[in-house]
PDB file of all heavy atoms in Angstrom:
ATOM      1  N   LEU A   1      74.011 106.583 184.752  1.00  0.00           N
ATOM      2  CA  LEU A   1      74.183 106.826 186.185  1.00  0.00           C
ATOM      3  C   LEU A   1      72.968 106.347 186.970  1.00  0.00           C
ATOM      4  O   LEU A   1      73.093 105.914 188.121  1.00  0.00           O
ATOM      5  CB  LEU A   1      74.423 108.311 186.435  1.00  0.00           C
ATOM      6  CG  LEU A   1      75.807 108.821 186.020  1.00  0.00           C
ATOM      7  CD1 LEU A   1      75.838 110.342 186.011  1.00  0.00           C
ATOM      8  CD2 LEU A   1      76.886 108.277 186.962  1.00  0.00           C
ATOM      9  N   GLY A   2      71.795 106.408 186.360  1.00  0.00           N
ATOM     10  CA  GLY A   2      70.596 105.912 187.027  1.00  0.00           C
ATOM     11  C   GLY A   2      70.686 104.435 187.356  1.00  0.00           C
ATOM     12  O   GLY A   2      70.257 103.995 188.432  1.00  0.00           O
ATOM     13  N   HIS A   3      71.255 103.636 186.437  1.00  0.00           N
ATOM     14  CA  HIS A   3      71.439 102.204 186.708  1.00  0.00           C
ATOM     15  C   HIS A   3      72.342 102.000 187.921  1.00  0.00           C
ATOM     16  O   HIS A   3      72.061 101.168 188.794  1.00  0.00           O
ATOM     17  CB  HIS A   3      72.048 101.507 185.491  1.00  0.00           C
ATOM     18  CG  HIS A   3      71.088 101.272 184.373  1.00  0.00           C
ATOM     19  ND1 HIS A   3      70.085 100.334 184.457  1.00  0.00           N
ATOM     20  CD2 HIS A   3      70.974 101.843 183.148  1.00  0.00           C
ATOM     21  CE1 HIS A   3      69.381 100.336 183.331  1.00  0.00           C
ATOM     22  NE2 HIS A   3      69.901 101.243 182.521  1.00  0.00           N
ATOM     23  N   LEU A   4      73.432 102.744 187.982  1.00  0.00           N
ATOM     24  CA  LEU A   4      74.396 102.590 189.069  1.00  0.00           C
ATOM     25  C   LEU A   4      73.785 102.988 190.412  1.00  0.00           C
ATOM     26  O   LEU A   4      73.898 102.255 191.405  1.00  0.00           O
ATOM     27  CB  LEU A   4      75.641 103.435 188.779  1.00  0.00           C
ATOM     28  CG  LEU A   4      76.769 103.306 189.793  1.00  0.00           C
ATOM     29  CD1 LEU A   4      77.481 101.980 189.612  1.00  0.00           C
ATOM     30  CD2 LEU A   4      77.759 104.455 189.655  1.00  0.00           C
ATOM     31  N   LEU A   5      73.138 104.147 190.453  1.00  0.00           N
ATOM     32  CA  LEU A   5      72.595 104.629 191.722  1.00  0.00           C
ATOM     33  C   LEU A   5      71.435 103.750 192.199  1.00  0.00           C
ATOM     34  O   LEU A   5      71.251 103.569 193.408  1.00  0.00           O
ATOM     35  CB  LEU A   5      72.139 106.081 191.580  1.00  0.00           C
ATOM     36  CG  LEU A   5      73.230 107.104 191.223  1.00  0.00           C
ATOM     37  CD1 LEU A   5      72.709 108.518 191.399  1.00  0.00           C
ATOM     38  CD2 LEU A   5      74.491 106.906 192.056  1.00  0.00           C
ATOM     39  N   SER A   6      70.663 103.206 191.275  1.00  0.00           N
ATOM     40  CA  SER A   6      69.596 102.290 191.678  1.00  0.00           C
ATOM     41  C   SER A   6      70.172 101.062 192.370  1.00  0.00           C
ATOM     42  O   SER A   6      69.660 100.615 193.408  1.00  0.00           O
ATOM     43  CB  SER A   6      68.777 101.857 190.457  1.00  0.00           C
ATOM     44  OG  SER A   6      67.998 102.921 189.968  1.00  0.00           O
ATOM     45  N   ARG A   7      71.256 100.498 191.813  1.00  0.00           N
ATOM     46  CA  ARG A   7      71.882  99.326 192.450  1.00  0.00           C
ATOM     47  C   ARG A   7      72.404  99.691 193.837  1.00  0.00           C
ATOM     48  O   ARG A   7      72.327  98.880 194.765  1.00  0.00           O
ATOM     49  CB  ARG A   7      73.041  98.812 191.593  1.00  0.00           C
ATOM     50  CG  ARG A   7      72.680  98.165 190.267  1.00  0.00           C
ATOM     51  CD  ARG A   7      71.758  96.974 190.410  1.00  0.00           C
ATOM     52  NE  ARG A   7      71.786  96.061 189.297  1.00  0.00           N
ATOM     53  CZ  ARG A   7      71.330  96.305 188.077  1.00  0.00           C
ATOM     54  NH1 ARG A   7      70.831  97.499 187.792  1.00  0.00           N
ATOM     55  NH2 ARG A   7      71.369  95.389 187.131  1.00  0.00           N
ATOM     56  N   ALA A   8      72.949 100.895 193.975  1.00  0.00           N
ATOM     57  CA  ALA A   8      73.465 101.316 195.280  1.00  0.00           C
ATOM     58  C   ALA A   8      72.331 101.383 196.305  1.00  0.00           C
ATOM     59  O   ALA A   8      72.500 100.973 197.463  1.00  0.00           O
ATOM     60  CB  ALA A   8      74.146 102.669 195.159  1.00  0.00           C
ATOM     61  N   ILE A   9      71.174 101.883 195.895  1.00  0.00           N
ATOM     62  CA  ILE A   9      70.037 101.945 196.813  1.00  0.00           C
ATOM     63  C   ILE A   9      69.505 100.541 197.105  1.00  0.00           C
ATOM     64  O   ILE A   9      69.139 100.226 198.243  1.00  0.00           O
ATOM     65  CB  ILE A   9      68.939 102.851 196.235  1.00  0.00           C
ATOM     66  CG1 ILE A   9      69.478 104.279 196.045  1.00  0.00           C
ATOM     67  CG2 ILE A   9      67.723 102.887 197.155  1.00  0.00           C
ATOM     68  CD1 ILE A   9      68.558 105.199 195.275  1.00  0.00           C
ATOM     69  N   TYR A  10      69.457  99.670 196.077  1.00  0.00           N
ATOM     70  CA  TYR A  10      69.041  98.287 196.305  1.00  0.00           C
ATOM     71  C   TYR A  10      69.936  97.612 197.350  1.00  0.00           C
ATOM     72  O   TYR A  10      69.463  96.792 198.143  1.00  0.00           O
ATOM     73  CB  TYR A  10      69.127  97.465 195.013  1.00  0.00           C
ATOM     74  CG  TYR A  10      68.139  97.848 193.943  1.00  0.00           C
ATOM     75  CD1 TYR A  10      68.463  97.665 192.596  1.00  0.00           C
ATOM     76  CD2 TYR A  10      66.897  98.375 194.249  1.00  0.00           C
ATOM     77  CE1 TYR A  10      67.582  98.009 191.596  1.00  0.00           C
ATOM     78  CE2 TYR A  10      65.999  98.721 193.254  1.00  0.00           C
ATOM     79  CZ  TYR A  10      66.342  98.537 191.923  1.00  0.00           C
ATOM     80  OH  TYR A  10      65.468  98.865 190.931  1.00  0.00           O
ATOM     81  N   ALA A  11      71.226  97.937 197.331  1.00  0.00           N
ATOM     82  CA  ALA A  11      72.161  97.316 198.268  1.00  0.00           C
ATOM     83  C   ALA A  11      71.814  97.633 199.714  1.00  0.00           C
ATOM     84  O   ALA A  11      72.201  96.890 200.619  1.00  0.00           O
ATOM     85  CB  ALA A  11      73.593  97.774 197.966  1.00  0.00           C
ATOM     86  N   THR A  12      71.068  98.721 199.938  1.00  0.00           N
ATOM     87  CA  THR A  12      70.637  99.068 201.300  1.00  0.00           C
ATOM     88  C   THR A  12      69.297  98.424 201.647  1.00  0.00           C
ATOM     89  O   THR A  12      68.643  98.829 202.606  1.00  0.00           O
ATOM     90  CB  THR A  12      70.528 100.597 201.460  1.00  0.00           C
ATOM     91  OG1 THR A  12      69.438 101.083 200.672  1.00  0.00           O
ATOM     92  CG2 THR A  12      71.809 101.288 201.038  1.00  0.00           C
ATOM     93  N   HIS A  13      68.883  97.440 200.843  1.00  0.00           N
ATOM     94  CA  HIS A  13      67.642  96.702 201.056  1.00  0.00           C
ATOM     95  C   HIS A  13      66.425  97.616 201.015  1.00  0.00           C
ATOM     96  O   HIS A  13      65.521  97.540 201.849  1.00  0.00           O
ATOM     97  CB  HIS A  13      67.670  95.947 202.396  1.00  0.00           C
ATOM     98  CG  HIS A  13      68.616  94.788 202.411  1.00  0.00           C
ATOM     99  ND1 HIS A  13      68.329  93.593 203.025  1.00  0.00           N
ATOM    100  CD2 HIS A  13      69.854  94.635 201.886  1.00  0.00           C
ATOM    101  CE1 HIS A  13      69.345  92.752 202.874  1.00  0.00           C
ATOM    102  NE2 HIS A  13      70.286  93.374 202.177  1.00  0.00           N
ATOM    103  N   HIS A  14      66.402  98.464 200.013  1.00  0.00           N
ATOM    104  CA  HIS A  14      65.269  99.368 199.846  1.00  0.00           C
ATOM    105  C   HIS A  14      64.881  99.422 198.377  1.00  0.00           C
ATOM    106  O   HIS A  14      65.746  99.530 197.507  1.00  0.00           O
ATOM    107  CB  HIS A  14      65.610 100.775 200.351  1.00  0.00           C
ATOM    108  CG  HIS A  14      64.418 101.495 200.891  1.00  0.00           C
ATOM    109  ND1 HIS A  14      63.404 101.953 200.087  1.00  0.00           N
ATOM    110  CD2 HIS A  14      64.063 101.816 202.154  1.00  0.00           C
ATOM    111  CE1 HIS A  14      62.483 102.537 200.844  1.00  0.00           C
ATOM    112  NE2 HIS A  14      62.857 102.471 202.096  1.00  0.00           N
ATOM    113  N   THR A  15      63.579  99.362 198.106  1.00  0.00           N
ATOM    114  CA  THR A  15      63.113  99.349 196.723  1.00  0.00           C
ATOM    115  C   THR A  15      61.986 100.343 196.446  1.00  0.00           C
ATOM    116  O   THR A  15      61.503 100.427 195.317  1.00  0.00           O
ATOM    117  CB  THR A  15      62.611  97.941 196.339  1.00  0.00           C
ATOM    118  OG1 THR A  15      61.588  97.544 197.252  1.00  0.00           O
ATOM    119  CG2 THR A  15      63.734  96.924 196.358  1.00  0.00           C
ATOM    120  N   ILE A  16      61.553 101.096 197.456  1.00  0.00           N
ATOM    121  CA  ILE A  16      60.402 101.976 197.273  1.00  0.00           C
ATOM    122  C   ILE A  16      60.787 103.295 196.622  1.00  0.00           C
ATOM    123  O   ILE A  16      60.118 103.779 195.701  1.00  0.00           O
ATOM    124  CB  ILE A  16      59.696 102.231 198.621  1.00  0.00           C
ATOM    125  CG1 ILE A  16      59.096 100.925 199.147  1.00  0.00           C
ATOM    126  CG2 ILE A  16      58.598 103.287 198.461  1.00  0.00           C
ATOM    127  CD1 ILE A  16      58.441 101.049 200.502  1.00  0.00           C
ATOM    128  N   TYR A  17      61.880 103.895 197.085  1.00  0.00           N
ATOM    129  CA  TYR A  17      62.234 105.223 196.574  1.00  0.00           C
ATOM    130  C   TYR A  17      62.545 105.207 195.079  1.00  0.00           C
ATOM    131  O   TYR A  17      62.273 106.174 194.364  1.00  0.00           O
ATOM    132  CB  TYR A  17      63.431 105.788 197.354  1.00  0.00           C
ATOM    133  CG  TYR A  17      63.125 106.121 198.790  1.00  0.00           C
ATOM    134  CD1 TYR A  17      63.985 105.721 199.813  1.00  0.00           C
ATOM    135  CD2 TYR A  17      61.974 106.812 199.142  1.00  0.00           C
ATOM    136  CE1 TYR A  17      63.717 106.024 201.143  1.00  0.00           C
ATOM    137  CE2 TYR A  17      61.696 107.112 200.476  1.00  0.00           C
ATOM    138  CZ  TYR A  17      62.574 106.719 201.469  1.00  0.00           C
ATOM    139  OH  TYR A  17      62.309 107.015 202.775  1.00  0.00           O
ATOM    140  N   GLN A  18      63.143 104.104 194.603  1.00  0.00           N
ATOM    141  CA  GLN A  18      63.420 104.019 193.166  1.00  0.00           C
ATOM    142  C   GLN A  18      62.134 104.040 192.354  1.00  0.00           C
ATOM    143  O   GLN A  18      62.092 104.545 191.239  1.00  0.00           O
ATOM    144  CB  GLN A  18      64.204 102.741 192.837  1.00  0.00           C
ATOM    145  CG  GLN A  18      65.558 102.672 193.499  1.00  0.00           C
ATOM    146  CD  GLN A  18      65.490 101.903 194.810  1.00  0.00           C
ATOM    147  OE1 GLN A  18      64.600 102.114 195.623  1.00  0.00           O
ATOM    148  NE2 GLN A  18      66.434 101.018 195.022  1.00  0.00           N
ATOM    149  N   VAL A  19      61.074 103.463 192.919  1.00  0.00           N
ATOM    150  CA  VAL A  19      59.778 103.472 192.251  1.00  0.00           C
ATOM    151  C   VAL A  19      59.285 104.897 192.071  1.00  0.00           C
ATOM    152  O   VAL A  19      58.836 105.296 190.998  1.00  0.00           O
ATOM    153  CB  VAL A  19      58.748 102.645 193.052  1.00  0.00           C
ATOM    154  CG1 VAL A  19      57.366 102.757 192.412  1.00  0.00           C
ATOM    155  CG2 VAL A  19      59.177 101.199 193.138  1.00  0.00           C
ATOM    156  N   VAL A  20      59.387 105.663 193.137  1.00  0.00           N
ATOM    157  CA  VAL A  20      58.935 107.060 193.082  1.00  0.00           C
ATOM    158  C   VAL A  20      59.737 107.842 192.045  1.00  0.00           C
ATOM    159  O   VAL A  20      59.175 108.584 191.231  1.00  0.00           O
ATOM    160  CB  VAL A  20      59.061 107.720 194.469  1.00  0.00           C
ATOM    161  CG1 VAL A  20      58.678 109.198 194.394  1.00  0.00           C
ATOM    162  CG2 VAL A  20      58.181 107.003 195.486  1.00  0.00           C
ATOM    163  N   ALA A  21      61.062 107.657 192.054  1.00  0.00           N
ATOM    164  CA  ALA A  21      61.907 108.366 191.089  1.00  0.00           C
ATOM    165  C   ALA A  21      61.560 107.974 189.661  1.00  0.00           C
ATOM    166  O   ALA A  21      61.488 108.829 188.761  1.00  0.00           O
ATOM    167  CB  ALA A  21      63.381 108.070 191.376  1.00  0.00           C
ATOM    168  N   SER A  22      61.333 106.681 189.435  1.00  0.00           N
ATOM    169  CA  SER A  22      60.999 106.204 188.094  1.00  0.00           C
ATOM    170  C   SER A  22      59.648 106.736 187.627  1.00  0.00           C
ATOM    171  O   SER A  22      59.474 107.105 186.467  1.00  0.00           O
ATOM    172  CB  SER A  22      61.003 104.671 188.057  1.00  0.00           C
ATOM    173  OG  SER A  22      62.291 104.166 188.325  1.00  0.00           O
ATOM    174  N   LEU A  23      58.682 106.778 188.526  1.00  0.00           N
ATOM    175  CA  LEU A  23      57.362 107.293 188.170  1.00  0.00           C
ATOM    176  C   LEU A  23      57.418 108.777 187.827  1.00  0.00           C
ATOM    177  O   LEU A  23      56.745 109.244 186.901  1.00  0.00           O
ATOM    178  CB  LEU A  23      56.375 107.052 189.315  1.00  0.00           C
ATOM    179  CG  LEU A  23      55.953 105.598 189.534  1.00  0.00           C
ATOM    180  CD1 LEU A  23      55.116 105.471 190.809  1.00  0.00           C
ATOM    181  CD2 LEU A  23      55.170 105.069 188.336  1.00  0.00           C
ATOM    182  N   ILE A  24      58.218 109.524 188.565  1.00  0.00           N
ATOM    183  CA  ILE A  24      58.374 110.945 188.260  1.00  0.00           C
ATOM    184  C   ILE A  24      58.996 111.121 186.876  1.00  0.00           C
ATOM    185  O   ILE A  24      58.525 111.925 186.056  1.00  0.00           O
ATOM    186  CB  ILE A  24      59.240 111.639 189.336  1.00  0.00           C
ATOM    187  CG1 ILE A  24      58.499 111.666 190.674  1.00  0.00           C
ATOM    188  CG2 ILE A  24      59.603 113.060 188.907  1.00  0.00           C
ATOM    189  CD1 ILE A  24      59.338 112.153 191.834  1.00  0.00           C
ATOM    190  N   GLY A  25      60.064 110.362 186.607  1.00  0.00           N
ATOM    191  CA  GLY A  25      60.699 110.445 185.289  1.00  0.00           C
ATOM    192  C   GLY A  25      59.761 110.034 184.170  1.00  0.00           C
ATOM    193  O   GLY A  25      59.741 110.654 183.096  1.00  0.00           O
ATOM    194  N   PHE A  26      58.964 109.011 184.413  1.00  0.00           N
ATOM    195  CA  PHE A  26      57.986 108.544 183.422  1.00  0.00           C
ATOM    196  C   PHE A  26      56.966 109.638 183.108  1.00  0.00           C
ATOM    197  O   PHE A  26      56.611 109.889 181.951  1.00  0.00           O
ATOM    198  CB  PHE A  26      57.296 107.292 183.960  1.00  0.00           C
ATOM    199  CG  PHE A  26      56.282 106.684 183.028  1.00  0.00           C
ATOM    200  CD1 PHE A  26      56.605 106.362 181.722  1.00  0.00           C
ATOM    201  CD2 PHE A  26      54.993 106.424 183.474  1.00  0.00           C
ATOM    202  CE1 PHE A  26      55.670 105.784 180.868  1.00  0.00           C
ATOM    203  CE2 PHE A  26      54.046 105.845 182.634  1.00  0.00           C
ATOM    204  CZ  PHE A  26      54.390 105.528 181.325  1.00  0.00           C
TER     205      PHE A  26
END
């Protein structure tokens, strides 16, 4: 589901929030 939701956010021309989510998970 993370792959799918990341693509959905990318479609809105945004790439910063995914970074924050990934860093938290890491």
